[in-house]
Amino acid sequence: MKIWKKIILLSVIGVLSIILFACLGVIVSRYKIVSNRTHLLCEIDHQALLKACRELSKKVADGEIERRTYKLRRRSRYSEVESQFPQPILDLKPHFVMFFPQGSVVLTVHRRNVFESESGFVAYPEDSEAPWIDSRGEEGTQLIPGLWYYDEAFGEDPEAEKKIKAIIEKHKDK
């Protein structure tokens, strides 16, 4: 076989390998997204999470914890303040924990990247039941009174809440 034929053959094999690995990466990422969403919607104790967020919100209101955004993910250890966060919040390993003046707590569990959209929870204090509105003006989905789930993957899908409820229903008995 001539040298130029070998070069062409190796080039074709190389391009096909790159395409195959890219496709596998997309498939694995898609599976991970679905698995993570199912975990957040069906395997988390939402009552315990809401209680933890309200406890944390009260500490912020009382001045025990500074009202700001805390970046938690990918840390080997937490700061003195962050280590005071209730265990249900730390167990989620959120990227960010944000506190807002009206007392709401936002837990960004998945951060926007090439394959994933941003998703997480918003918890409101007991005296507030306002719907979560994201940066595009879209509402989240209320899981229990006071706790909302948001997922930018659903975007402006008018069926988003129905799809989220279907995921919860599907995994309810498992």
Protein backbone atom coordinates (compact mmCIF):
# COMPACT_ATOMS: atom_id res chain seq x y z
CA MET A 1 0.00 0.00 0.00
CA LYS A 2 1.33 3.39 -0.93
CA ILE A 3 2.20 5.89 1.79
CA TRP A 4 -0.52 8.38 0.80
CA LYS A 5 -3.19 5.66 1.07
CA LYS A 6 -1.95 4.83 4.58
CA ILE A 7 -2.11 8.50 5.54
CA ILE A 8 -5.67 8.83 4.22
CA LEU A 9 -6.75 5.62 5.97
CA LEU A 10 -5.26 6.74 9.30
CA SER A 11 -6.86 10.18 8.90
CA VAL A 12 -10.29 8.64 8.28
CA ILE A 13 -9.88 6.33 11.28
CA GLY A 14 -8.82 9.30 13.42
CA VAL A 15 -11.81 11.42 12.37
CA LEU A 16 -14.23 8.53 12.94
CA SER A 17 -12.71 7.92 16.39
CA ILE A 18 -13.18 11.57 17.35
CA ILE A 19 -16.82 11.49 16.18
CA LEU A 20 -17.46 8.25 18.10
CA PHE A 21 -15.96 9.61 21.33
CA ALA A 22 -17.94 12.86 20.97
CA CYS A 23 -21.18 10.90 20.51
CA LEU A 24 -20.41 8.72 23.52
CA GLY A 25 -19.71 11.84 25.57
CA VAL A 26 -23.09 13.32 24.66
CA ILE A 27 -24.88 10.05 25.50
CA VAL A 28 -23.13 9.74 28.88
CA SER A 29 -23.81 13.41 29.68
CA ARG A 30 -27.48 13.02 28.76
CA TYR A 31 -27.77 9.99 31.05
CA LYS A 32 -26.07 11.94 33.84
CA ILE A 33 -28.49 14.87 33.43
CA VAL A 34 -31.54 12.60 33.64
CA SER A 35 -30.06 10.73 36.60
CA ASN A 36 -29.24 13.97 38.46
CA ARG A 37 -32.71 15.39 37.81
CA THR A 38 -34.33 12.19 39.10
CA HIS A 39 -32.12 12.36 42.20
CA LEU A 40 -33.10 15.96 42.95
CA LEU A 41 -36.80 15.40 42.36
CA CYS A 42 -37.31 11.93 43.82
CA GLU A 43 -34.54 10.93 46.20
CA ILE A 44 -34.03 14.09 48.24
CA ASP A 45 -36.05 14.54 51.44
CA HIS A 46 -37.70 17.81 50.44
CA GLN A 47 -39.18 18.43 53.90
CA ALA A 48 -35.74 18.10 55.52
CA LEU A 49 -34.20 20.34 52.86
CA LEU A 50 -36.85 23.02 53.37
CA LYS A 51 -36.38 22.87 57.13
CA ALA A 52 -32.60 23.20 56.70
CA CYS A 53 -32.97 26.17 54.35
CA ARG A 54 -35.38 27.92 56.72
CA GLU A 55 -33.00 27.31 59.61
CA LEU A 56 -30.19 28.83 57.57
CA SER A 57 -32.37 31.76 56.48
CA LYS A 58 -33.15 32.50 60.13
CA LYS A 59 -29.41 32.53 60.94
CA VAL A 60 -28.90 35.07 58.15
CA ALA A 61 -31.82 37.19 59.40
CA ASP A 62 -30.40 37.07 62.94
CA GLY A 63 -26.97 38.16 61.69
CA GLU A 64 -25.22 34.90 62.60
CA ILE A 65 -24.31 34.30 58.95
CA GLU A 66 -23.47 36.97 56.40
CA ARG A 67 -26.01 37.45 53.57
CA ARG A 68 -24.00 36.67 50.44
CA THR A 69 -23.35 33.93 47.90
CA TYR A 70 -21.27 30.99 49.12
CA LYS A 71 -19.47 28.79 46.61
CA LEU A 72 -19.29 25.28 48.05
CA ARG A 73 -18.70 22.74 45.28
CA ARG A 74 -15.26 21.27 44.71
CA ARG A 75 -13.91 22.17 48.10
CA SER A 76 -11.88 19.82 50.21
CA ARG A 77 -13.11 21.59 53.34
CA TYR A 78 -15.59 24.28 54.23
CA SER A 79 -14.98 27.61 55.92
CA GLU A 80 -16.04 28.04 59.53
CA VAL A 81 -19.32 29.64 58.41
CA GLU A 82 -20.06 27.06 55.71
CA SER A 83 -19.45 24.18 58.10
CA GLN A 84 -22.42 25.53 60.12
CA PHE A 85 -24.76 24.89 57.18
CA PRO A 86 -27.25 22.10 57.98
CA GLN A 87 -26.29 18.64 56.74
CA PRO A 88 -29.13 18.27 54.18
CA ILE A 89 -27.69 21.28 52.34
CA LEU A 90 -24.10 20.07 52.54
CA ASP A 91 -25.20 16.61 51.35
CA LEU A 92 -26.52 18.17 48.13
CA LYS A 93 -23.04 19.55 47.41
CA PRO A 94 -24.48 22.68 45.80
CA HIS A 95 -22.28 24.86 43.64
CA PHE A 96 -23.74 27.97 45.25
CA VAL A 97 -25.87 28.88 48.25
CA MET A 98 -27.38 32.35 47.89
CA PHE A 99 -29.34 34.38 50.41
CA PHE A 100 -31.79 37.07 49.37
CA PRO A 101 -33.11 40.00 51.45
CA GLN A 102 -36.70 38.66 51.59
CA GLY A 103 -35.35 35.51 53.27
CA SER A 104 -35.28 33.08 50.37
CA VAL A 105 -32.40 30.64 49.96
CA VAL A 106 -31.31 29.49 46.50
CA LEU A 107 -29.30 26.29 46.14
CA THR A 108 -27.74 25.99 42.71
CA VAL A 109 -27.00 22.30 42.48
CA HIS A 110 -26.08 22.05 38.81
CA ARG A 111 -24.34 24.89 37.09
CA ARG A 112 -24.71 25.78 33.44
CA ASN A 113 -22.10 24.26 31.12
CA VAL A 114 -21.96 22.74 27.63
CA PHE A 115 -24.15 19.75 28.48
CA GLU A 116 -26.05 20.78 31.59
CA SER A 117 -28.41 23.60 32.36
CA GLU A 118 -28.62 25.26 35.72
CA SER A 119 -30.95 23.66 38.23
CA GLY A 120 -31.59 23.66 41.93
CA PHE A 121 -33.96 24.64 44.69
CA VAL A 122 -35.42 27.83 46.10
CA ALA A 123 -36.74 27.82 49.66
CA TYR A 124 -38.90 30.55 51.12
CA PRO A 125 -39.38 31.53 54.74
CA GLU A 126 -42.59 30.37 56.41
CA ASP A 127 -44.35 33.70 55.91
CA SER A 128 -43.75 33.78 52.14
CA GLU A 129 -44.98 31.51 49.35
CA ALA A 130 -43.96 33.54 46.30
CA PRO A 131 -43.25 31.53 43.14
CA TRP A 132 -39.67 31.23 42.00
CA ILE A 133 -39.07 33.33 38.88
CA ASP A 134 -35.77 32.73 37.06
CA SER A 135 -33.72 35.29 35.15
CA ARG A 136 -35.87 34.75 32.03
CA GLY A 137 -39.10 35.31 33.95
CA GLU A 138 -40.01 31.61 34.04
CA GLU A 139 -41.55 30.04 37.14
CA GLY A 140 -40.11 27.00 38.79
CA THR A 141 -42.15 24.05 40.04
CA GLN A 142 -43.41 23.94 43.60
CA LEU A 143 -42.48 20.60 45.15
CA ILE A 144 -43.96 21.27 48.57
CA PRO A 145 -45.26 24.54 50.04
CA GLY A 146 -42.21 26.77 50.41
CA LEU A 147 -39.80 24.72 48.26
CA TRP A 148 -39.47 25.19 44.51
CA TYR A 149 -37.39 23.35 41.93
CA TYR A 150 -35.98 25.14 38.91
CA ASP A 151 -34.33 23.67 35.83
CA GLU A 152 -33.30 25.82 32.89
CA ALA A 153 -33.28 22.75 30.62
CA PHE A 154 -37.04 23.11 30.39
CA GLY A 155 -36.66 26.71 29.24
CA GLU A 156 -39.92 28.12 28.00
CA ASP A 157 -41.54 24.70 27.67
CA PRO A 158 -45.21 25.17 28.63
CA GLU A 159 -45.30 21.49 29.63
CA ALA A 160 -42.31 21.79 32.02
CA GLU A 161 -44.29 21.49 35.24
CA LYS A 162 -46.24 18.54 33.86
CA LYS A 163 -42.99 16.80 32.84
CA ILE A 164 -41.44 17.39 36.25
CA LYS A 165 -44.54 16.05 38.01
CA ALA A 166 -44.44 12.99 35.69
CA ILE A 167 -40.82 12.28 36.71
CA ILE A 168 -41.82 12.48 40.37
CA GLU A 169 -44.87 10.25 39.84
CA LYS A 170 -42.87 7.69 37.86
CA HIS A 171 -40.33 7.26 40.68
CA LYS A 172 -42.76 7.70 43.58
CA ASP A 173 -43.04 4.03 44.53
CA LYS A 174 -39.40 3.10 43.98
